[in-house]
């Protein structure tokens, strides 16, 4: 991929996988150059994680660490740290937690996703769709200066359509992106934070995914 000529392709889809291992820095730079010249890159689940990583920089969003309770861990530099008080058992449990951890892993639930009805990526898509969530990836929303959050998980009281997740994950995943559109030069990156095609039974996402392939190429401006 580092030396591949990608100019003959309009759309490249990266299914969920370990791209840091297989593409490397050279492959990432080649993809970035291709997108900037008018290519459409679609990333799915773990591929989105790779695209958003600091070393790759194809996507201007970041994964989030898990929410934590009030931090009572002693802070400081060197051999001595600031003193703290621990007033009860819960304070003790908070003090021994790692400062930064990813959210708890989700084995698989169905969630409700709200859809921006004014974006061309969602033409013909219902205002609300159902998506499968697995793993522990939660992304911060993309800023308006960088792109558009085209679809996002509903609020914490509505997000679960079927299944069970911890309250902490439910709270943190509310209003976080499911589908992101980020222009880049003459092309764009379209990122799904979860699998839109899992087991081919999420029919409500079919139009959204087809738009990502066929409409997106019509909105890019590749060099000729």
C-alpha atoms as a PDB file:
ATOM      1  CA  UNK A   1       0.000   0.000   0.000  1.00  0.00           C
ATOM      2  CA  UNK A   2       2.909   2.361   0.621  1.00  0.00           C
ATOM      3  CA  UNK A   3       3.765   2.472  -3.088  1.00  0.00           C
ATOM      4  CA  UNK A   4       0.432   1.493  -4.650  1.00  0.00           C
ATOM      5  CA  UNK A   5      -1.006   3.746  -7.343  1.00  0.00           C
ATOM      6  CA  UNK A   6      -4.505   4.518  -6.033  1.00  0.00           C
ATOM      7  CA  UNK A   7      -5.445   7.046  -8.700  1.00  0.00           C
ATOM      8  CA  UNK A   8      -7.742   4.581 -10.496  1.00  0.00           C
ATOM      9  CA  UNK A   9      -9.989   4.244  -7.427  1.00  0.00           C
ATOM     10  CA  UNK A  10     -12.773   6.601  -6.366  1.00  0.00           C
ATOM     11  CA  UNK A  11     -13.791   4.844  -3.130  1.00  0.00           C
ATOM     12  CA  UNK A  12     -11.809   2.645  -0.744  1.00  0.00           C
ATOM     13  CA  UNK A  13     -13.543   0.826   2.123  1.00  0.00           C
ATOM     14  CA  UNK A  14     -11.523  -0.257   5.150  1.00  0.00           C
ATOM     15  CA  UNK A  15     -13.480  -2.917   7.084  1.00  0.00           C
ATOM     16  CA  UNK A  16     -12.709  -3.380  10.756  1.00  0.00           C
ATOM     17  CA  UNK A  17      -9.153  -4.679  11.110  1.00  0.00           C
ATOM     18  CA  UNK A  18      -5.586  -4.097  12.320  1.00  0.00           C
ATOM     19  CA  UNK A  19      -4.315  -1.503   9.857  1.00  0.00           C
ATOM     20  CA  UNK A  20      -1.475  -0.213  12.007  1.00  0.00           C
ATOM     21  CA  UNK A  21       0.184  -3.581  11.501  1.00  0.00           C
ATOM     22  CA  UNK A  22      -0.596  -4.087   7.817  1.00  0.00           C
ATOM     23  CA  UNK A  23      -0.396  -0.585   6.312  1.00  0.00           C
ATOM     24  CA  UNK A  24       2.199   1.164   8.437  1.00  0.00           C
ATOM     25  CA  UNK A  25       3.179   4.813   8.163  1.00  0.00           C
ATOM     26  CA  UNK A  26       3.805   4.629   4.424  1.00  0.00           C
ATOM     27  CA  UNK A  27       0.386   3.203   3.694  1.00  0.00           C
ATOM     28  CA  UNK A  28      -1.283   5.850   5.846  1.00  0.00           C
ATOM     29  CA  UNK A  29       0.526   8.653   4.017  1.00  0.00           C
ATOM     30  CA  UNK A  30      -0.395   7.178   0.636  1.00  0.00           C
ATOM     31  CA  UNK A  31      -4.063   7.007   1.641  1.00  0.00           C
ATOM     32  CA  UNK A  32      -3.977  10.547   3.003  1.00  0.00           C
ATOM     33  CA  UNK A  33      -2.493  11.827  -0.257  1.00  0.00           C
ATOM     34  CA  UNK A  34      -5.108   9.926  -2.269  1.00  0.00           C
ATOM     35  CA  UNK A  35      -7.978  11.356  -0.188  1.00  0.00           C
ATOM     36  CA  UNK A  36      -6.664  14.905  -0.520  1.00  0.00           C
ATOM     37  CA  UNK A  37      -6.668  14.455  -4.305  1.00  0.00           C
ATOM     38  CA  UNK A  38     -10.344  13.468  -4.386  1.00  0.00           C
ATOM     39  CA  UNK A  39     -10.629   9.956  -2.978  1.00  0.00           C
ATOM     40  CA  UNK A  40     -13.404   8.784  -0.660  1.00  0.00           C
ATOM     41  CA  UNK A  41     -12.182   6.703   2.274  1.00  0.00           C
ATOM     42  CA  UNK A  42     -14.786   4.780   4.299  1.00  0.00           C
ATOM     43  CA  UNK A  43     -13.603   3.412   7.645  1.00  0.00           C
ATOM     44  CA  UNK A  44     -15.522   0.965   9.832  1.00  0.00           C
ATOM     45  CA  UNK A  45     -15.135   0.252  13.571  1.00  0.00           C
ATOM     46  CA  UNK A  46     -11.464  -0.631  14.260  1.00  0.00           C
ATOM     47  CA  UNK A  47     -10.476   1.007  10.981  1.00  0.00           C
ATOM     48  CA  UNK A  48     -11.966   4.235  12.339  1.00  0.00           C
ATOM     49  CA  UNK A  49      -9.877   3.774  15.481  1.00  0.00           C
ATOM     50  CA  UNK A  50      -6.788   3.512  13.271  1.00  0.00           C
ATOM     51  CA  UNK A  51      -7.730   6.534  11.138  1.00  0.00           C
ATOM     52  CA  UNK A  52      -8.296   8.658  14.257  1.00  0.00           C
ATOM     53  CA  UNK A  53      -4.997   7.701  15.890  1.00  0.00           C
ATOM     54  CA  UNK A  54      -2.425  10.450  16.357  1.00  0.00           C
ATOM     55  CA  UNK A  55       0.142   8.702  14.163  1.00  0.00           C
ATOM     56  CA  UNK A  56      -2.263   8.518  11.205  1.00  0.00           C
ATOM     57  CA  UNK A  57      -4.302  11.725  11.454  1.00  0.00           C
ATOM     58  CA  UNK A  58      -6.921  10.897   8.841  1.00  0.00           C
ATOM     59  CA  UNK A  59      -9.805  11.733  11.171  1.00  0.00           C
ATOM     60  CA  UNK A  60     -10.089  14.665  13.560  1.00  0.00           C
ATOM     61  CA  UNK A  61     -11.774  12.849  16.469  1.00  0.00           C
ATOM     62  CA  UNK A  62     -10.450  10.978  19.482  1.00  0.00           C
ATOM     63  CA  UNK A  63     -11.566   7.957  21.475  1.00  0.00           C
ATOM     64  CA  UNK A  64     -12.614   8.726  25.012  1.00  0.00           C
ATOM     65  CA  UNK A  65     -11.424   7.246  28.272  1.00  0.00           C
ATOM     66  CA  UNK A  66     -14.101   6.065  30.678  1.00  0.00           C
ATOM     67  CA  UNK A  67     -15.813   8.618  32.870  1.00  0.00           C
ATOM     68  CA  UNK A  68     -14.473   8.615  36.415  1.00  0.00           C
ATOM     69  CA  UNK A  69     -15.696   9.780  39.796  1.00  0.00           C
ATOM     70  CA  UNK A  70     -14.072  12.709  41.544  1.00  0.00           C
ATOM     71  CA  UNK A  71     -10.323  12.250  41.418  1.00  0.00           C
ATOM     72  CA  UNK A  72      -8.815  11.838  44.873  1.00  0.00           C
ATOM     73  CA  UNK A  73      -5.500  10.396  43.715  1.00  0.00           C
ATOM     74  CA  UNK A  74      -2.486  12.228  45.096  1.00  0.00           C
ATOM     75  CA  UNK A  75      -0.823  14.382  42.455  1.00  0.00           C
ATOM     76  CA  UNK A  76       2.732  15.685  42.306  1.00  0.00           C
ATOM     77  CA  UNK A  77       6.198  15.348  40.821  1.00  0.00           C
ATOM     78  CA  UNK A  78       9.252  13.576  42.152  1.00  0.00           C
ATOM     79  CA  UNK A  79       9.368  11.458  45.290  1.00  0.00           C
ATOM     80  CA  UNK A  80       6.752  13.394  47.279  1.00  0.00           C
ATOM     81  CA  UNK A  81       3.128  14.069  46.333  1.00  0.00           C
ATOM     82  CA  UNK A  82       0.407  16.318  47.698  1.00  0.00           C
ATOM     83  CA  UNK A  83      -1.456  14.982  50.714  1.00  0.00           C
ATOM     84  CA  UNK A  84      -5.067  13.823  50.458  1.00  0.00           C
ATOM     85  CA  UNK A  85      -7.794  12.679  52.813  1.00  0.00           C
ATOM     86  CA  UNK A  86      -9.889   9.556  52.319  1.00  0.00           C
ATOM     87  CA  UNK A  87     -13.100   9.764  54.303  1.00  0.00           C
ATOM     88  CA  UNK A  88     -14.811   6.470  53.523  1.00  0.00           C
ATOM     89  CA  UNK A  89     -14.523   3.147  51.710  1.00  0.00           C
ATOM     90  CA  UNK A  90     -15.824   4.603  48.443  1.00  0.00           C
ATOM     91  CA  UNK A  91     -13.143   7.263  48.605  1.00  0.00           C
ATOM     92  CA  UNK A  92     -10.574   4.508  49.069  1.00  0.00           C
ATOM     93  CA  UNK A  93     -11.904   2.627  46.042  1.00  0.00           C
ATOM     94  CA  UNK A  94     -11.774   5.822  43.983  1.00  0.00           C
ATOM     95  CA  UNK A  95      -8.195   6.481  45.088  1.00  0.00           C
ATOM     96  CA  UNK A  96      -6.879   3.115  43.886  1.00  0.00           C
ATOM     97  CA  UNK A  97      -8.533   3.226  40.471  1.00  0.00           C
ATOM     98  CA  UNK A  98      -6.352   3.809  37.441  1.00  0.00           C
ATOM     99  CA  UNK A  99      -6.517   7.426  36.355  1.00  0.00           C
ATOM    100  CA  UNK A 100      -7.291   6.580  32.732  1.00  0.00           C
ATOM    101  CA  UNK A 101      -9.098   3.481  31.518  1.00  0.00           C
ATOM    102  CA  UNK A 102     -11.183   2.739  28.479  1.00  0.00           C
ATOM    103  CA  UNK A 103     -14.921   2.189  28.998  1.00  0.00           C
ATOM    104  CA  UNK A 104     -16.133  -1.292  29.916  1.00  0.00           C
ATOM    105  CA  UNK A 105     -16.380  -3.740  27.011  1.00  0.00           C
ATOM    106  CA  UNK A 106     -19.854  -4.257  25.537  1.00  0.00           C
ATOM    107  CA  UNK A 107     -20.526  -7.762  24.218  1.00  0.00           C
ATOM    108  CA  UNK A 108     -23.273  -6.594  21.882  1.00  0.00           C
ATOM    109  CA  UNK A 109     -26.455  -4.533  22.151  1.00  0.00           C
ATOM    110  CA  UNK A 110     -28.873  -2.839  19.781  1.00  0.00           C
ATOM    111  CA  UNK A 111     -28.924   0.933  20.099  1.00  0.00           C
ATOM    112  CA  UNK A 112     -31.043   3.773  18.760  1.00  0.00           C
ATOM    113  CA  UNK A 113     -29.243   6.206  16.489  1.00  0.00           C
ATOM    114  CA  UNK A 114     -30.531   9.662  15.560  1.00  0.00           C
ATOM    115  CA  UNK A 115     -29.907  10.823  11.995  1.00  0.00           C
ATOM    116  CA  UNK A 116     -29.259  14.296  10.562  1.00  0.00           C
ATOM    117  CA  UNK A 117     -31.995  14.582   7.940  1.00  0.00           C
ATOM    118  CA  UNK A 118     -30.364  17.484   6.091  1.00  0.00           C
ATOM    119  CA  UNK A 119     -27.090  15.826   5.084  1.00  0.00           C
ATOM    120  CA  UNK A 120     -26.713  14.178   1.682  1.00  0.00           C
ATOM    121  CA  UNK A 121     -25.217  11.069   3.313  1.00  0.00           C
ATOM    122  CA  UNK A 122     -28.586  10.330   4.932  1.00  0.00           C
ATOM    123  CA  UNK A 123     -30.875  10.944   1.960  1.00  0.00           C
ATOM    124  CA  UNK A 124     -33.664   8.352   2.159  1.00  0.00           C
ATOM    125  CA  UNK A 125     -32.660   7.245   5.680  1.00  0.00           C
ATOM    126  CA  UNK A 126     -35.206   7.233   8.504  1.00  0.00           C
ATOM    127  CA  UNK A 127     -34.834   9.887  11.245  1.00  0.00           C
ATOM    128  CA  UNK A 128     -33.987   7.071  13.664  1.00  0.00           C
ATOM    129  CA  UNK A 129     -32.216   3.779  12.919  1.00  0.00           C
ATOM    130  CA  UNK A 130     -30.958   0.837  14.966  1.00  0.00           C
ATOM    131  CA  UNK A 131     -27.264  -0.066  15.166  1.00  0.00           C
ATOM    132  CA  UNK A 132     -25.277  -2.810  16.869  1.00  0.00           C
ATOM    133  CA  UNK A 133     -22.672  -1.719  19.424  1.00  0.00           C
ATOM    134  CA  UNK A 134     -19.799  -3.992  20.478  1.00  0.00           C
ATOM    135  CA  UNK A 135     -16.483  -3.249  22.141  1.00  0.00           C
ATOM    136  CA  UNK A 136     -15.607  -0.117  24.087  1.00  0.00           C
ATOM    137  CA  UNK A 137     -14.960   2.585  21.507  1.00  0.00           C
ATOM    138  CA  UNK A 138     -16.654   5.909  22.289  1.00  0.00           C
ATOM    139  CA  UNK A 139     -15.574   8.925  20.239  1.00  0.00           C
ATOM    140  CA  UNK A 140     -15.811  12.611  20.970  1.00  0.00           C
ATOM    141  CA  UNK A 141     -17.988  14.455  18.415  1.00  0.00           C
ATOM    142  CA  UNK A 142     -16.136  16.080  15.551  1.00  0.00           C
ATOM    143  CA  UNK A 143     -15.952  19.886  15.652  1.00  0.00           C
ATOM    144  CA  UNK A 144     -17.833  21.885  13.002  1.00  0.00           C
ATOM    145  CA  UNK A 145     -14.580  23.322  11.670  1.00  0.00           C
ATOM    146  CA  UNK A 146     -13.416  19.800  10.779  1.00  0.00           C
ATOM    147  CA  UNK A 147     -16.549  17.968   9.674  1.00  0.00           C
ATOM    148  CA  UNK A 148     -20.053  16.835  10.522  1.00  0.00           C
ATOM    149  CA  UNK A 149     -21.581  14.363  12.945  1.00  0.00           C
ATOM    150  CA  UNK A 150     -24.104  12.830  10.568  1.00  0.00           C
ATOM    151  CA  UNK A 151     -25.614  10.261  12.961  1.00  0.00           C
ATOM    152  CA  UNK A 152     -25.263   9.903  16.726  1.00  0.00           C
ATOM    153  CA  UNK A 153     -26.485   7.730  19.573  1.00  0.00           C
ATOM    154  CA  UNK A 154     -29.635   8.929  21.303  1.00  0.00           C
ATOM    155  CA  UNK A 155     -29.769  10.212  24.879  1.00  0.00           C
ATOM    156  CA  UNK A 156     -29.045   7.910  27.800  1.00  0.00           C
ATOM    157  CA  UNK A 157     -32.729   7.253  28.512  1.00  0.00           C
ATOM    158  CA  UNK A 158     -33.415   6.170  24.909  1.00  0.00           C
ATOM    159  CA  UNK A 159     -30.164   4.793  23.518  1.00  0.00           C
ATOM    160  CA  UNK A 160     -30.733   1.105  24.361  1.00  0.00           C
ATOM    161  CA  UNK A 161     -33.115  -0.606  21.939  1.00  0.00           C
ATOM    162  CA  UNK A 162     -32.375  -4.154  23.114  1.00  0.00           C
ATOM    163  CA  UNK A 163     -29.838  -5.683  25.467  1.00  0.00           C
ATOM    164  CA  UNK A 164     -28.020  -4.493  28.573  1.00  0.00           C
ATOM    165  CA  UNK A 165     -25.089  -2.161  29.193  1.00  0.00           C
ATOM    166  CA  UNK A 166     -23.647  -0.618  32.323  1.00  0.00           C
ATOM    167  CA  UNK A 167     -25.110   2.741  33.291  1.00  0.00           C
ATOM    168  CA  UNK A 168     -21.695   4.368  32.928  1.00  0.00           C
ATOM    169  CA  UNK A 169     -21.411   3.277  29.293  1.00  0.00           C
ATOM    170  CA  UNK A 170     -24.999   4.318  28.617  1.00  0.00           C
ATOM    171  CA  UNK A 171     -24.349   7.775  30.054  1.00  0.00           C
ATOM    172  CA  UNK A 172     -21.089   8.304  28.203  1.00  0.00           C
ATOM    173  CA  UNK A 173     -22.227   6.998  24.808  1.00  0.00           C
ATOM    174  CA  UNK A 174     -25.250   9.321  24.637  1.00  0.00           C
ATOM    175  CA  UNK A 175     -24.983  11.850  21.796  1.00  0.00           C
ATOM    176  CA  UNK A 176     -21.642  10.477  20.655  1.00  0.00           C
ATOM    177  CA  UNK A 177     -21.111   9.946  16.913  1.00  0.00           C
ATOM    178  CA  UNK A 178     -22.035   6.851  14.943  1.00  0.00           C
ATOM    179  CA  UNK A 179     -21.326   8.328  11.486  1.00  0.00           C
ATOM    180  CA  UNK A 180     -18.815  11.104  10.800  1.00  0.00           C
ATOM    181  CA  UNK A 181     -18.136  13.024   7.587  1.00  0.00           C
ATOM    182  CA  UNK A 182     -14.828  14.874   7.306  1.00  0.00           C
ATOM    183  CA  UNK A 183     -13.784  16.694   4.111  1.00  0.00           C
ATOM    184  CA  UNK A 184     -10.087  16.521   3.315  1.00  0.00           C
ATOM    185  CA  UNK A 185      -8.726  18.466   0.374  1.00  0.00           C
ATOM    186  CA  UNK A 186     -10.681  17.417  -2.712  1.00  0.00           C
ATOM    187  CA  UNK A 187     -11.901  14.195  -1.063  1.00  0.00           C
ATOM    188  CA  UNK A 188     -13.296  13.036   2.264  1.00  0.00           C
ATOM    189  CA  UNK A 189     -13.238  10.488   5.050  1.00  0.00           C
ATOM    190  CA  UNK A 190     -16.514   8.817   6.064  1.00  0.00           C
ATOM    191  CA  UNK A 191     -16.180   7.055   9.391  1.00  0.00           C
ATOM    192  CA  UNK A 192     -18.495   4.573  11.106  1.00  0.00           C
ATOM    193  CA  UNK A 193     -17.665   4.136  14.782  1.00  0.00           C
ATOM    194  CA  UNK A 194     -19.438   0.749  14.786  1.00  0.00           C
ATOM    195  CA  UNK A 195     -20.160  -1.922  12.164  1.00  0.00           C
ATOM    196  CA  UNK A 196     -23.075  -0.833   9.916  1.00  0.00           C
ATOM    197  CA  UNK A 197     -23.157  -4.147   8.042  1.00  0.00           C
ATOM    198  CA  UNK A 198     -22.847  -6.639  10.909  1.00  0.00           C
ATOM    199  CA  UNK A 199     -24.403  -9.994   9.934  1.00  0.00           C
ATOM    200  CA  UNK A 200     -26.302  -8.168   7.151  1.00  0.00           C
ATOM    201  CA  UNK A 201     -29.424  -7.788   9.277  1.00  0.00           C
ATOM    202  CA  UNK A 202     -29.404  -4.073  10.076  1.00  0.00           C
ATOM    203  CA  UNK A 203     -31.563  -3.192   7.087  1.00  0.00           C
ATOM    204  CA  UNK A 204     -32.154   0.367   8.282  1.00  0.00           C
ATOM    205  CA  UNK A 205     -28.481   1.142   7.666  1.00  0.00           C
ATOM    206  CA  UNK A 206     -28.328  -0.175   4.101  1.00  0.00           C
ATOM    207  CA  UNK A 207     -29.283   3.126   2.458  1.00  0.00           C
ATOM    208  CA  UNK A 208     -26.847   5.031   4.651  1.00  0.00           C
ATOM    209  CA  UNK A 209     -24.010   2.723   3.654  1.00  0.00           C
ATOM    210  CA  UNK A 210     -24.914   2.844  -0.048  1.00  0.00           C
ATOM    211  CA  UNK A 211     -24.955   6.642   0.134  1.00  0.00           C
ATOM    212  CA  UNK A 212     -21.464   6.480   1.619  1.00  0.00           C
ATOM    213  CA  UNK A 213     -20.271   4.626  -1.464  1.00  0.00           C
ATOM    214  CA  UNK A 214     -22.205   6.107  -4.367  1.00  0.00           C
ATOM    215  CA  UNK A 215     -23.286   9.596  -3.295  1.00  0.00           C
ATOM    216  CA  UNK A 216     -19.948  10.378  -1.691  1.00  0.00           C
ATOM    217  CA  UNK A 217     -18.021   9.880  -4.911  1.00  0.00           C
ATOM    218  CA  UNK A 218     -20.354  12.400  -6.571  1.00  0.00           C
ATOM    219  CA  UNK A 219     -19.505  14.969  -3.880  1.00  0.00           C
ATOM    220  CA  UNK A 220     -15.735  14.573  -4.232  1.00  0.00           C
ATOM    221  CA  UNK A 221     -13.612  16.454  -6.754  1.00  0.00           C
ATOM    222  CA  UNK A 222     -10.857  14.115  -7.908  1.00  0.00           C
ATOM    223  CA  UNK A 223      -8.025  15.364 -10.055  1.00  0.00           C
ATOM    224  CA  UNK A 224      -8.367  14.310 -13.664  1.00  0.00           C
END
